[in-house]
C-alpha atoms as a PDB file:
ATOM      1  CA  MET A   1     -16.706 -25.164  -4.378  1.00  0.00           C
ATOM      2  CA  SER A   2     -14.963 -26.090  -8.066  1.00  0.00           C
ATOM      3  CA  ARG A   3     -13.505 -23.935 -10.256  1.00  0.00           C
ATOM      4  CA  GLU A   4     -14.870 -23.359 -14.313  1.00  0.00           C
ATOM      5  CA  VAL A   5     -12.401 -23.871 -16.578  1.00  0.00           C
ATOM      6  CA  GLY A   6     -10.298 -21.785 -16.991  1.00  0.00           C
ATOM      7  CA  ALA A   7     -11.216 -19.504 -14.040  1.00  0.00           C
ATOM      8  CA  VAL A   8      -8.496 -16.733 -13.448  1.00  0.00           C
ATOM      9  CA  GLU A   9      -8.037 -16.267  -9.699  1.00  0.00           C
ATOM     10  CA  ILE A  10      -6.727 -12.562  -9.283  1.00  0.00           C
ATOM     11  CA  ASP A  11      -4.218 -12.227  -6.527  1.00  0.00           C
ATOM     12  CA  LEU A  12      -3.302  -9.341  -4.069  1.00  0.00           C
ATOM     13  CA  SER A  13      -1.977 -10.999  -1.331  1.00  0.00           C
ATOM     14  CA  ARG A  14       0.857  -8.459  -1.815  1.00  0.00           C
ATOM     15  CA  ALA A  15      -1.652  -5.317  -2.172  1.00  0.00           C
ATOM     16  CA  LEU A  16      -3.550  -6.452   1.206  1.00  0.00           C
ATOM     17  CA  ALA A  17      -0.598  -7.313   3.223  1.00  0.00           C
ATOM     18  CA  THR A  18       0.262  -3.897   1.759  1.00  0.00           C
ATOM     19  CA  ALA A  19      -2.652  -2.401   2.548  1.00  0.00           C
ATOM     20  CA  ARG A  20      -2.748  -3.548   5.788  1.00  0.00           C
ATOM     21  CA  GLU A  21       0.429  -2.857   7.334  1.00  0.00           C
ATOM     22  CA  LEU A  22      -0.169   0.835   6.497  1.00  0.00           C
ATOM     23  CA  VAL A  23      -3.554   0.744   7.859  1.00  0.00           C
ATOM     24  CA  GLU A  24      -1.395  -0.302  11.069  1.00  0.00           C
ATOM     25  CA  GLU A  25       0.866   2.515  10.822  1.00  0.00           C
ATOM     26  CA  LEU A  26      -1.906   4.955  10.518  1.00  0.00           C
ATOM     27  CA  GLU A  27      -3.563   3.814  12.965  1.00  0.00           C
ATOM     28  CA  LYS A  28      -0.647   3.977  15.324  1.00  0.00           C
ATOM     29  CA  LEU A  29      -0.390   7.948  14.075  1.00  0.00           C
ATOM     30  CA  ASP A  30      -3.830   8.923  14.708  1.00  0.00           C
ATOM     31  CA  GLY A  31      -4.563  11.364  17.385  1.00  0.00           C
ATOM     32  CA  THR A  32      -0.847  12.356  17.848  1.00  0.00           C
ATOM     33  CA  GLU A  33      -0.354  15.109  19.800  1.00  0.00           C
ATOM     34  CA  VAL A  34       2.740  17.677  18.270  1.00  0.00           C
ATOM     35  CA  ASP A  35       4.932  18.825  20.407  1.00  0.00           C
ATOM     36  CA  GLU A  36       5.582  22.516  19.479  1.00  0.00           C
ATOM     37  CA  ALA A  37       7.970  23.362  22.174  1.00  0.00           C
ATOM     38  CA  PRO A  38      11.507  24.807  21.170  1.00  0.00           C
ATOM     39  CA  THR A  39      13.103  21.750  22.271  1.00  0.00           C
ATOM     40  CA  ARG A  40      15.187  18.672  21.742  1.00  0.00           C
ATOM     41  CA  ALA A  41      12.793  16.755  21.805  1.00  0.00           C
ATOM     42  CA  ALA A  42      10.296  18.493  19.921  1.00  0.00           C
ATOM     43  CA  ARG A  43      12.665  18.688  17.136  1.00  0.00           C
ATOM     44  CA  ARG A  44      13.229  15.067  17.382  1.00  0.00           C
ATOM     45  CA  GLN A  45       9.495  14.404  17.423  1.00  0.00           C
ATOM     46  CA  HIS A  46       8.878  15.894  14.284  1.00  0.00           C
ATOM     47  CA  VAL A  47      11.654  14.441  12.108  1.00  0.00           C
ATOM     48  CA  HIS A  48      10.618  10.932  13.815  1.00  0.00           C
ATOM     49  CA  LEU A  49       6.484  12.463  12.595  1.00  0.00           C
ATOM     50  CA  THR A  50       8.052  13.767   9.231  1.00  0.00           C
ATOM     51  CA  ARG A  51       9.842  10.401   8.297  1.00  0.00           C
ATOM     52  CA  THR A  52       6.500   8.341   9.338  1.00  0.00           C
ATOM     53  CA  LEU A  53       4.489  10.150   7.085  1.00  0.00           C
ATOM     54  CA  LEU A  54       6.443   9.826   4.195  1.00  0.00           C
ATOM     55  CA  ARG A  55       6.641   5.857   4.733  1.00  0.00           C
ATOM     56  CA  LEU A  56       3.350   5.876   5.145  1.00  0.00           C
ATOM     57  CA  SER A  57       2.715   8.071   1.593  1.00  0.00           C
ATOM     58  CA  HIS A  58       5.298   5.374   0.271  1.00  0.00           C
ATOM     59  CA  LEU A  59       3.449   2.502   1.664  1.00  0.00           C
ATOM     60  CA  GLY A  60      -0.146   3.575  -0.272  1.00  0.00           C
ATOM     61  CA  ASN A  61       2.104   4.414  -3.380  1.00  0.00           C
ATOM     62  CA  ARG A  62       3.388   0.906  -2.574  1.00  0.00           C
ATOM     63  CA  ALA A  63      -0.239  -0.584  -2.637  1.00  0.00           C
ATOM     64  CA  SER A  64      -1.309   1.483  -5.233  1.00  0.00           C
ATOM     65  CA  VAL A  65       1.170   0.298  -7.552  1.00  0.00           C
ATOM     66  CA  GLU A  66       0.318  -3.916  -6.285  1.00  0.00           C
ATOM     67  CA  ILE A  67      -2.734  -3.634  -7.322  1.00  0.00           C
ATOM     68  CA  MET A  68      -1.941  -1.882 -11.008  1.00  0.00           C
ATOM     69  CA  ASP A  69       0.238  -5.417 -11.778  1.00  0.00           C
ATOM     70  CA  ALA A  70      -2.722  -7.384 -10.567  1.00  0.00           C
ATOM     71  CA  TYR A  71      -4.488  -4.937 -13.404  1.00  0.00           C
ATOM     72  CA  HIS A  72      -1.984  -5.434 -15.820  1.00  0.00           C
ATOM     73  CA  ASP A  73      -1.183  -9.817 -15.520  1.00  0.00           C
ATOM     74  CA  PHE A  74      -5.705  -9.665 -15.347  1.00  0.00           C
ATOM     75  CA  LYS A  75      -5.587  -7.865 -19.032  1.00  0.00           C
ATOM     76  CA  LEU A  76      -2.973  -9.705 -20.648  1.00  0.00           C
ATOM     77  CA  ARG A  77      -4.888 -12.724 -19.960  1.00  0.00           C
ATOM     78  CA  ASP A  78      -8.033 -11.187 -20.818  1.00  0.00           C
ATOM     79  CA  GLU A  79      -6.963  -9.429 -24.350  1.00  0.00           C
ATOM     80  CA  PRO A  80      -6.800 -12.631 -27.292  1.00  0.00           C
ATOM     81  CA  PRO A  81      -3.847 -13.085 -28.681  1.00  0.00           C
ATOM     82  CA  THR A  82      -2.438 -11.398 -32.171  1.00  0.00           C
ATOM     83  CA  GLY A  83      -2.031 -12.630 -34.308  1.00  0.00           C
ATOM     84  CA  GLU A  84       1.599 -12.419 -35.334  1.00  0.00           C
END
């Protein structure tokens, strides 16, 4: 496969890796039954689930930022240079 002269390759590898990690963790957590009993084990599970959900939210945000980084890199190449 030949490339055109001046072709730009968009690198989304970091965002893809983060998205894969997010999907894997979501699949592990999906369908988890939450123990509502007033026990130490239930409290530990709640703490673990809270931390896990916060981490998953962070991974989603990180993927979003990595996509925006790729967008900004693309836009910088797309814009004509200013005459200063």
